Amino acid sequence: MEFLKRHEKLLVNLLLVTLVVVFAIGIWAPILTLKRLLVIQNTFSILSGIVQLARDGQYGLFSLLTVFTLVLPCFKIAVLFAAWNSKPKQSRILGWLSALGKWSMLDVFVVAVLIASVKLGALATIEVHYGLYVFAAAVILMIFNTNFVYKRLSSAAS
């Protein structure tokens, strides 16, 4: 326990770097393969799915997914780094963490909606790949890191 207290700053920074790596893998790795009519097969990652939406002219959905699956999580990670490493711990950054924390589960919802929307019964099957699990791990790491940093900094500010 004493080791953790002494090296807390380093350990949290390592967790945040791990989060960045896992998140990057999660958005680039294949999350599913859609097989239609035994002949047509498409494999998607989160990133390739978002790009495909733009190519297909689905700009509303493209914008929504880009903001909530790419931009907001990257911003949240940057705020976590800033909050944990800033001196002094600014209450403004804690406010950002609190506001961003409310959007944590939206990433999981987006993936669930994506999988549900391409289920086509007998016409198509979906094969889930490791990218989905890596992305889910990134979301869980984000929630853990956010809660830990927020609680530590809130108690230090009091």
N, C-alpha and C. Protein backbone atom coordinates (compact mmCIF):
# COMPACT_ATOMS: atom_id res chain seq x y z
N MET A 1 0.82 -1.20 0.00
CA MET A 1 0.00 0.00 0.00
C MET A 1 0.86 1.25 0.00
N GLU A 2 1.94 1.20 0.77
CA GLU A 2 2.86 2.33 0.82
C GLU A 2 3.49 2.59 -0.55
N PHE A 3 3.80 1.51 -1.27
CA PHE A 3 4.36 1.63 -2.61
C PHE A 3 3.40 2.37 -3.53
N LEU A 4 2.11 2.02 -3.45
CA LEU A 4 1.10 2.66 -4.29
C LEU A 4 0.99 4.15 -4.00
N LYS A 5 1.01 4.50 -2.73
CA LYS A 5 0.91 5.92 -2.38
C LYS A 5 2.11 6.71 -2.87
N ARG A 6 3.30 6.12 -2.74
CA ARG A 6 4.52 6.81 -3.17
C ARG A 6 4.60 6.98 -4.68
N HIS A 7 4.09 6.00 -5.41
CA HIS A 7 4.22 6.00 -6.86
C HIS A 7 2.89 6.22 -7.57
N GLU A 8 1.94 6.79 -6.87
CA GLU A 8 0.60 6.98 -7.42
C GLU A 8 0.61 7.81 -8.70
N LYS A 9 1.35 8.89 -8.72
CA LYS A 9 1.38 9.76 -9.91
C LYS A 9 1.88 8.99 -11.12
N LEU A 10 2.97 8.25 -10.97
CA LEU A 10 3.53 7.46 -12.07
C LEU A 10 2.55 6.37 -12.51
N LEU A 11 1.95 5.67 -11.55
CA LEU A 11 1.03 4.58 -11.88
C LEU A 11 -0.20 5.08 -12.64
N VAL A 12 -0.74 6.21 -12.22
CA VAL A 12 -1.91 6.76 -12.92
C VAL A 12 -1.51 7.21 -14.32
N ASN A 13 -0.34 7.83 -14.46
CA ASN A 13 0.12 8.22 -15.79
C ASN A 13 0.33 7.01 -16.70
N LEU A 14 0.84 5.91 -16.13
CA LEU A 14 0.99 4.67 -16.90
C LEU A 14 -0.38 4.12 -17.31
N LEU A 15 -1.35 4.20 -16.40
CA LEU A 15 -2.71 3.77 -16.75
C LEU A 15 -3.30 4.64 -17.86
N LEU A 16 -3.02 5.93 -17.82
CA LEU A 16 -3.52 6.82 -18.85
C LEU A 16 -2.86 6.54 -20.21
N VAL A 17 -1.58 6.26 -20.20
CA VAL A 17 -0.89 5.89 -21.44
C VAL A 17 -1.44 4.57 -21.97
N THR A 18 -1.67 3.62 -21.06
CA THR A 18 -2.29 2.34 -21.45
C THR A 18 -3.66 2.59 -22.07
N LEU A 19 -4.42 3.48 -21.49
CA LEU A 19 -5.73 3.84 -22.03
C LEU A 19 -5.60 4.36 -23.46
N VAL A 20 -4.64 5.23 -23.71
CA VAL A 20 -4.44 5.77 -25.06
C VAL A 20 -4.15 4.64 -26.05
N VAL A 21 -3.26 3.73 -25.67
CA VAL A 21 -2.89 2.62 -26.55
C VAL A 21 -4.09 1.70 -26.81
N VAL A 22 -4.79 1.33 -25.75
CA VAL A 22 -5.95 0.43 -25.89
C VAL A 22 -7.05 1.11 -26.72
N PHE A 23 -7.28 2.39 -26.49
CA PHE A 23 -8.29 3.13 -27.26
C PHE A 23 -7.90 3.16 -28.74
N ALA A 24 -6.64 3.43 -29.04
CA ALA A 24 -6.19 3.48 -30.44
C ALA A 24 -6.37 2.12 -31.12
N ILE A 25 -5.98 1.06 -30.43
CA ILE A 25 -6.17 -0.28 -30.99
C ILE A 25 -7.66 -0.56 -31.17
N GLY A 26 -8.46 -0.16 -30.18
CA GLY A 26 -9.90 -0.40 -30.22
C GLY A 26 -10.61 0.26 -31.40
N ILE A 27 -10.15 1.43 -31.81
CA ILE A 27 -10.83 2.09 -32.93
C ILE A 27 -10.29 1.63 -34.29
N TRP A 28 -9.06 1.08 -34.32
CA TRP A 28 -8.50 0.60 -35.59
C TRP A 28 -8.72 -0.89 -35.83
N ALA A 29 -8.84 -1.67 -34.78
CA ALA A 29 -8.98 -3.12 -34.92
C ALA A 29 -10.37 -3.48 -35.45
N PRO A 30 -10.45 -4.57 -36.19
CA PRO A 30 -11.77 -4.99 -36.69
C PRO A 30 -12.71 -5.35 -35.54
N ILE A 31 -13.94 -4.82 -35.61
CA ILE A 31 -14.90 -5.14 -34.55
C ILE A 31 -15.93 -6.16 -35.02
N LEU A 32 -16.23 -6.18 -36.31
CA LEU A 32 -17.20 -7.15 -36.79
C LEU A 32 -17.05 -7.39 -38.28
N THR A 33 -17.51 -8.56 -38.69
CA THR A 33 -17.61 -8.90 -40.11
C THR A 33 -19.07 -9.18 -40.39
N LEU A 34 -19.59 -8.53 -41.40
CA LEU A 34 -20.97 -8.71 -41.84
C LEU A 34 -20.94 -9.60 -43.07
N LYS A 35 -21.61 -10.75 -42.98
CA LYS A 35 -21.68 -11.68 -44.11
C LYS A 35 -23.12 -11.71 -44.61
N ARG A 36 -23.28 -11.36 -45.89
CA ARG A 36 -24.62 -11.34 -46.49
C ARG A 36 -24.69 -12.34 -47.63
N LEU A 37 -25.73 -13.11 -47.65
CA LEU A 37 -26.02 -14.05 -48.73
C LEU A 37 -24.85 -14.98 -49.06
N LEU A 38 -24.07 -15.34 -48.08
CA LEU A 38 -22.96 -16.29 -48.19
C LEU A 38 -21.87 -15.86 -49.16
N VAL A 39 -22.01 -14.71 -49.81
CA VAL A 39 -21.04 -14.29 -50.81
C VAL A 39 -20.37 -12.97 -50.43
N ILE A 40 -21.15 -12.02 -49.97
CA ILE A 40 -20.65 -10.69 -49.67
C ILE A 40 -20.20 -10.63 -48.22
N GLN A 41 -19.00 -10.12 -48.02
CA GLN A 41 -18.44 -10.07 -46.67
C GLN A 41 -17.72 -8.73 -46.49
N ASN A 42 -18.08 -8.00 -45.43
CA ASN A 42 -17.44 -6.72 -45.10
C ASN A 42 -16.97 -6.77 -43.66
N THR A 43 -15.71 -6.40 -43.44
CA THR A 43 -15.17 -6.31 -42.09
C THR A 43 -14.97 -4.84 -41.76
N PHE A 44 -15.43 -4.45 -40.56
CA PHE A 44 -15.38 -3.05 -40.15
C PHE A 44 -14.63 -2.88 -38.84
N SER A 45 -13.91 -1.78 -38.77
CA SER A 45 -13.42 -1.29 -37.49
C SER A 45 -14.29 -0.08 -37.17
N ILE A 46 -14.15 0.48 -36.00
CA ILE A 46 -14.92 1.68 -35.69
C ILE A 46 -14.53 2.80 -36.64
N LEU A 47 -13.23 2.95 -36.85
CA LEU A 47 -12.75 4.00 -37.73
C LEU A 47 -13.20 3.79 -39.17
N SER A 48 -13.07 2.59 -39.70
CA SER A 48 -13.48 2.34 -41.08
C SER A 48 -15.00 2.47 -41.24
N GLY A 49 -15.74 2.12 -40.21
CA GLY A 49 -17.20 2.30 -40.26
C GLY A 49 -17.59 3.76 -40.33
N ILE A 50 -16.89 4.60 -39.57
CA ILE A 50 -17.16 6.03 -39.60
C ILE A 50 -16.80 6.62 -40.96
N VAL A 51 -15.64 6.21 -41.50
CA VAL A 51 -15.23 6.69 -42.83
C VAL A 51 -16.24 6.24 -43.89
N GLN A 52 -16.73 5.02 -43.78
CA GLN A 52 -17.71 4.52 -44.75
C GLN A 52 -19.01 5.31 -44.69
N LEU A 53 -19.40 5.73 -43.50
CA LEU A 53 -20.60 6.57 -43.38
C LEU A 53 -20.43 7.88 -44.16
N ALA A 54 -19.24 8.47 -44.07
CA ALA A 54 -18.98 9.71 -44.82
C ALA A 54 -19.01 9.44 -46.32
N ARG A 55 -18.41 8.34 -46.75
CA ARG A 55 -18.41 7.99 -48.18
C ARG A 55 -19.82 7.76 -48.70
N ASP A 56 -20.68 7.19 -47.84
CA ASP A 56 -22.06 6.90 -48.24
C ASP A 56 -22.98 8.11 -48.14
N GLY A 57 -22.43 9.25 -47.72
CA GLY A 57 -23.23 10.46 -47.61
C GLY A 57 -24.10 10.53 -46.37
N GLN A 58 -23.84 9.70 -45.40
CA GLN A 58 -24.59 9.70 -44.14
C GLN A 58 -23.92 10.68 -43.16
N TYR A 59 -23.97 11.97 -43.52
CA TYR A 59 -23.19 12.97 -42.79
C TYR A 59 -23.68 13.20 -41.36
N GLY A 60 -24.96 13.07 -41.11
CA GLY A 60 -25.47 13.24 -39.75
C GLY A 60 -24.94 12.15 -38.82
N LEU A 61 -25.07 10.91 -39.25
CA LEU A 61 -24.57 9.79 -38.46
C LEU A 61 -23.05 9.82 -38.37
N PHE A 62 -22.40 10.19 -39.47
CA PHE A 62 -20.94 10.34 -39.47
C PHE A 62 -20.51 11.35 -38.42
N SER A 63 -21.17 12.51 -38.39
CA SER A 63 -20.82 13.56 -37.43
C SER A 63 -21.07 13.11 -36.00
N LEU A 64 -22.21 12.51 -35.76
CA LEU A 64 -22.56 12.04 -34.43
C LEU A 64 -21.55 11.03 -33.90
N LEU A 65 -21.23 10.03 -34.72
CA LEU A 65 -20.29 9.00 -34.28
C LEU A 65 -18.87 9.54 -34.16
N THR A 66 -18.49 10.44 -35.05
CA THR A 66 -17.15 11.03 -34.96
C THR A 66 -16.99 11.80 -33.66
N VAL A 67 -17.99 12.60 -33.33
CA VAL A 67 -17.91 13.41 -32.10
C VAL A 67 -17.90 12.52 -30.86
N PHE A 68 -18.83 11.58 -30.78
CA PHE A 68 -18.99 10.81 -29.54
C PHE A 68 -18.08 9.59 -29.43
N THR A 69 -17.53 9.12 -30.54
CA THR A 69 -16.68 7.95 -30.48
C THR A 69 -15.20 8.30 -30.63
N LEU A 70 -14.88 9.42 -31.28
CA LEU A 70 -13.48 9.79 -31.47
C LEU A 70 -13.10 11.08 -30.74
N VAL A 71 -13.79 12.16 -31.04
CA VAL A 71 -13.40 13.47 -30.53
C VAL A 71 -13.57 13.56 -29.02
N LEU A 72 -14.76 13.25 -28.53
CA LEU A 72 -15.03 13.37 -27.09
C LEU A 72 -14.12 12.48 -26.24
N PRO A 73 -13.92 11.19 -26.60
CA PRO A 73 -12.99 10.39 -25.80
C PRO A 73 -11.56 10.92 -25.83
N CYS A 74 -11.08 11.41 -26.98
CA CYS A 74 -9.72 11.97 -27.05
C CYS A 74 -9.62 13.22 -26.17
N PHE A 75 -10.65 14.05 -26.22
CA PHE A 75 -10.67 15.25 -25.38
C PHE A 75 -10.69 14.86 -23.90
N LYS A 76 -11.46 13.84 -23.58
CA LYS A 76 -11.56 13.39 -22.19
C LYS A 76 -10.21 12.86 -21.69
N ILE A 77 -9.50 12.13 -22.54
CA ILE A 77 -8.18 11.62 -22.16
C ILE A 77 -7.22 12.79 -21.93
N ALA A 78 -7.27 13.78 -22.81
CA ALA A 78 -6.41 14.97 -22.65
C ALA A 78 -6.73 15.70 -21.34
N VAL A 79 -8.02 15.82 -21.01
CA VAL A 79 -8.41 16.47 -19.76
C VAL A 79 -7.94 15.65 -18.56
N LEU A 80 -8.01 14.33 -18.66
CA LEU A 80 -7.51 13.48 -17.57
C LEU A 80 -6.01 13.70 -17.35
N PHE A 81 -5.25 13.72 -18.45
CA PHE A 81 -3.81 13.99 -18.32
C PHE A 81 -3.57 15.36 -17.69
N ALA A 82 -4.29 16.36 -18.18
CA ALA A 82 -4.11 17.72 -17.65
C ALA A 82 -4.50 17.80 -16.18
N ALA A 83 -5.62 17.18 -15.82
CA ALA A 83 -6.08 17.23 -14.43
C ALA A 83 -5.09 16.55 -13.50
N TRP A 84 -4.59 15.40 -13.91
CA TRP A 84 -3.71 14.64 -13.04
C TRP A 84 -2.33 15.29 -12.90
N ASN A 85 -1.87 15.93 -13.95
CA ASN A 85 -0.50 16.45 -13.95
C ASN A 85 -0.39 17.96 -13.75
N SER A 86 -1.51 18.67 -13.61
CA SER A 86 -1.44 20.12 -13.45
C SER A 86 -1.11 20.49 -12.01
N LYS A 87 -0.48 21.62 -11.86
CA LYS A 87 -0.18 22.16 -10.53
C LYS A 87 -0.56 23.61 -10.55
N PRO A 88 -1.35 24.10 -9.69
CA PRO A 88 -2.15 23.36 -8.72
C PRO A 88 -3.34 22.70 -9.41
N LYS A 89 -3.97 21.78 -8.72
CA LYS A 89 -5.14 21.09 -9.26
C LYS A 89 -6.28 22.08 -9.37
N GLN A 90 -6.63 22.41 -10.57
CA GLN A 90 -7.62 23.46 -10.81
C GLN A 90 -9.04 22.91 -10.73
N SER A 91 -9.91 23.65 -10.07
CA SER A 91 -11.30 23.22 -9.95
C SER A 91 -12.00 23.24 -11.30
N ARG A 92 -11.51 24.09 -12.20
CA ARG A 92 -12.10 24.16 -13.55
C ARG A 92 -11.92 22.83 -14.28
N ILE A 93 -10.74 22.21 -14.13
CA ILE A 93 -10.48 20.93 -14.77
C ILE A 93 -11.37 19.85 -14.16
N LEU A 94 -11.58 19.92 -12.84
CA LEU A 94 -12.49 18.96 -12.19
C LEU A 94 -13.91 19.11 -12.74
N GLY A 95 -14.30 20.35 -13.02
CA GLY A 95 -15.61 20.58 -13.62
C GLY A 95 -15.73 19.93 -14.99
N TRP A 96 -14.66 20.02 -15.78
CA TRP A 96 -14.65 19.36 -17.10
C TRP A 96 -14.76 17.85 -16.93
N LEU A 97 -14.01 17.29 -15.98
CA LEU A 97 -14.07 15.85 -15.76
C LEU A 97 -15.48 15.41 -15.37
N SER A 98 -16.10 16.20 -14.52
CA SER A 98 -17.46 15.87 -14.09
C SER A 98 -18.42 15.91 -15.27
N ALA A 99 -18.31 16.93 -16.09
CA ALA A 99 -19.20 17.05 -17.25
C ALA A 99 -18.95 15.94 -18.27
N LEU A 100 -17.69 15.62 -18.52
CA LEU A 100 -17.36 14.58 -19.49
C LEU A 100 -17.72 13.19 -18.99
N GLY A 101 -17.71 13.00 -17.68
CA GLY A 101 -18.02 11.70 -17.11
C GLY A 101 -19.41 11.21 -17.45
N LYS A 102 -20.30 12.12 -17.69
CA LYS A 102 -21.68 11.75 -18.01
C LYS A 102 -21.81 11.09 -19.38
N TRP A 103 -20.81 11.23 -20.22
CA TRP A 103 -20.86 10.67 -21.57
C TRP A 103 -20.11 9.35 -21.68
N SER A 104 -19.65 8.79 -20.57
CA SER A 104 -18.77 7.62 -20.61
C SER A 104 -19.40 6.41 -21.29
N MET A 105 -20.62 6.13 -21.04
CA MET A 105 -21.24 4.92 -21.57
C MET A 105 -21.76 5.07 -22.99
N LEU A 106 -21.68 6.26 -23.55
CA LEU A 106 -22.18 6.46 -24.91
C LEU A 106 -21.41 5.62 -25.91
N ASP A 107 -20.11 5.41 -25.68
CA ASP A 107 -19.31 4.60 -26.60
C ASP A 107 -19.84 3.17 -26.68
N VAL A 108 -20.15 2.58 -25.54
CA VAL A 108 -20.69 1.23 -25.53
C VAL A 108 -22.04 1.20 -26.24
N PHE A 109 -22.85 2.21 -26.00
CA PHE A 109 -24.15 2.30 -26.66
C PHE A 109 -23.99 2.36 -28.18
N VAL A 110 -23.03 3.13 -28.65
CA VAL A 110 -22.79 3.27 -30.09
C VAL A 110 -22.46 1.92 -30.71
N VAL A 111 -21.58 1.16 -30.08
CA VAL A 111 -21.22 -0.16 -30.61
C VAL A 111 -22.42 -1.09 -30.58
N ALA A 112 -23.20 -1.05 -29.50
CA ALA A 112 -24.39 -1.90 -29.42
C ALA A 112 -25.39 -1.57 -30.51
N VAL A 113 -25.59 -0.28 -30.76
CA VAL A 113 -26.51 0.14 -31.83
C VAL A 113 -25.98 -0.29 -33.19
N LEU A 114 -24.68 -0.17 -33.39
CA LEU A 114 -24.07 -0.59 -34.66
C LEU A 114 -24.32 -2.07 -34.92
N ILE A 115 -24.10 -2.90 -33.89
CA ILE A 115 -24.32 -4.34 -34.06
C ILE A 115 -25.79 -4.64 -34.27
N ALA A 116 -26.66 -4.01 -33.49
CA ALA A 116 -28.10 -4.25 -33.63
C ALA A 116 -28.62 -3.79 -34.98
N SER A 117 -28.06 -2.71 -35.51
CA SER A 117 -28.58 -2.16 -36.76
C SER A 117 -28.21 -3.01 -37.98
N VAL A 118 -27.17 -3.82 -37.88
CA VAL A 118 -26.81 -4.64 -39.03
C VAL A 118 -27.27 -6.08 -38.91
N LYS A 119 -27.99 -6.41 -37.86
CA LYS A 119 -28.57 -7.75 -37.74
C LYS A 119 -29.71 -7.86 -38.75
N LEU A 120 -29.56 -8.77 -39.70
CA LEU A 120 -30.56 -8.90 -40.75
C LEU A 120 -31.16 -10.29 -40.82
N GLY A 121 -31.17 -10.99 -39.71
CA GLY A 121 -31.80 -12.30 -39.65
C GLY A 121 -31.12 -13.31 -40.56
N ALA A 122 -31.92 -13.99 -41.38
CA ALA A 122 -31.42 -15.06 -42.24
C ALA A 122 -30.59 -14.52 -43.40
N LEU A 123 -30.76 -13.25 -43.73
CA LEU A 123 -30.02 -12.68 -44.85
C LEU A 123 -28.57 -12.37 -44.53
N ALA A 124 -28.26 -12.18 -43.25
CA ALA A 124 -26.90 -11.81 -42.89
C ALA A 124 -26.54 -12.35 -41.51
N THR A 125 -25.25 -12.53 -41.33
CA THR A 125 -24.74 -12.92 -40.02
C THR A 125 -23.61 -11.96 -39.64
N ILE A 126 -23.40 -11.85 -38.35
CA ILE A 126 -22.34 -10.97 -37.85
C ILE A 126 -21.35 -11.81 -37.06
N GLU A 127 -20.09 -11.62 -37.39
CA GLU A 127 -19.01 -12.26 -36.64
C GLU A 127 -18.28 -11.16 -35.89
N VAL A 128 -18.26 -11.26 -34.57
CA VAL A 128 -17.62 -10.25 -33.73
C VAL A 128 -16.13 -10.56 -33.62
N HIS A 129 -15.29 -9.50 -33.70
CA HIS A 129 -13.84 -9.66 -33.63
C HIS A 129 -13.28 -9.03 -32.36
N TYR A 130 -12.00 -9.22 -32.15
CA TYR A 130 -11.33 -8.76 -30.94
C TYR A 130 -11.39 -7.25 -30.74
N GLY A 131 -11.52 -6.48 -31.81
CA GLY A 131 -11.57 -5.03 -31.69
C GLY A 131 -12.71 -4.55 -30.81
N LEU A 132 -13.83 -5.26 -30.85
CA LEU A 132 -14.97 -4.90 -30.01
C LEU A 132 -14.59 -5.03 -28.53
N TYR A 133 -13.89 -6.09 -28.19
CA TYR A 133 -13.49 -6.31 -26.80
C TYR A 133 -12.41 -5.31 -26.37
N VAL A 134 -11.51 -4.99 -27.29
CA VAL A 134 -10.48 -4.00 -26.97
C VAL A 134 -11.12 -2.63 -26.76
N PHE A 135 -12.08 -2.28 -27.62
CA PHE A 135 -12.77 -1.00 -27.47
C PHE A 135 -13.54 -0.96 -26.16
N ALA A 136 -14.22 -2.07 -25.83
CA ALA A 136 -14.93 -2.14 -24.55
C ALA A 136 -13.96 -2.00 -23.38
N ALA A 137 -12.78 -2.60 -23.49
CA ALA A 137 -11.76 -2.46 -22.44
C ALA A 137 -11.31 -1.00 -22.32
N ALA A 138 -11.20 -0.31 -23.45
CA ALA A 138 -10.83 1.12 -23.42
C ALA A 138 -11.89 1.93 -22.70
N VAL A 139 -13.15 1.63 -22.95
CA VAL A 139 -14.24 2.34 -22.28
C VAL A 139 -14.19 2.08 -20.77
N ILE A 140 -13.95 0.83 -20.38
CA ILE A 140 -13.86 0.50 -18.96
C ILE A 140 -12.66 1.19 -18.31
N LEU A 141 -11.52 1.19 -19.00
CA LEU A 141 -10.34 1.90 -18.49
C LEU A 141 -10.61 3.40 -18.36
N MET A 142 -11.33 3.95 -19.32
CA MET A 142 -11.67 5.38 -19.27
C MET A 142 -12.53 5.68 -18.06
N ILE A 143 -13.53 4.85 -17.82
CA ILE A 143 -14.41 5.04 -16.66
C ILE A 143 -13.62 4.92 -15.37
N PHE A 144 -12.79 3.89 -15.27
CA PHE A 144 -11.97 3.69 -14.07
C PHE A 144 -11.04 4.88 -13.84
N ASN A 145 -10.30 5.27 -14.87
CA ASN A 145 -9.36 6.38 -14.74
C ASN A 145 -10.07 7.68 -14.37
N THR A 146 -11.18 7.95 -15.01
CA THR A 146 -11.92 9.17 -14.73
C THR A 146 -12.39 9.21 -13.28
N ASN A 147 -12.99 8.11 -12.83
CA ASN A 147 -13.46 8.07 -11.45
C ASN A 147 -12.32 8.19 -10.45
N PHE A 148 -11.22 7.50 -10.71
CA PHE A 148 -10.09 7.54 -9.80
C PHE A 148 -9.49 8.95 -9.71
N VAL A 149 -9.22 9.54 -10.88
CA VAL A 149 -8.63 10.88 -10.92
C VAL A 149 -9.57 11.90 -10.29
N TYR A 150 -10.85 11.81 -10.62
CA TYR A 150 -11.82 12.76 -10.09
C TYR A 150 -11.90 12.68 -8.56
N LYS A 151 -11.97 11.45 -8.04
CA LYS A 151 -12.06 11.29 -6.58
C LYS A 151 -10.79 11.74 -5.88
N ARG A 152 -9.64 11.42 -6.44
CA ARG A 152 -8.36 11.84 -5.83
C ARG A 152 -8.24 13.36 -5.83
N LEU A 153 -8.55 13.97 -6.95
CA LEU A 153 -8.39 15.42 -7.04
C LEU A 153 -9.45 16.16 -6.24
N SER A 154 -10.65 15.60 -6.17
CA SER A 154 -11.71 16.22 -5.37
C SER A 154 -11.35 16.20 -3.89
N SER A 155 -10.80 15.07 -3.44
CA SER A 155 -10.42 14.98 -2.03
C SER A 155 -9.20 15.86 -1.74
N ALA A 156 -8.31 16.03 -2.70
CA ALA A 156 -7.15 16.90 -2.50
C ALA A 156 -7.55 18.36 -2.49
N ALA A 157 -8.59 18.71 -3.24
CA ALA A 157 -9.05 20.11 -3.30
C ALA A 157 -9.82 20.50 -2.03
N SER A 158 -10.38 19.51 -1.34
CA SER A 158 -11.17 19.81 -0.13
C SER A 158 -10.31 20.16 1.04
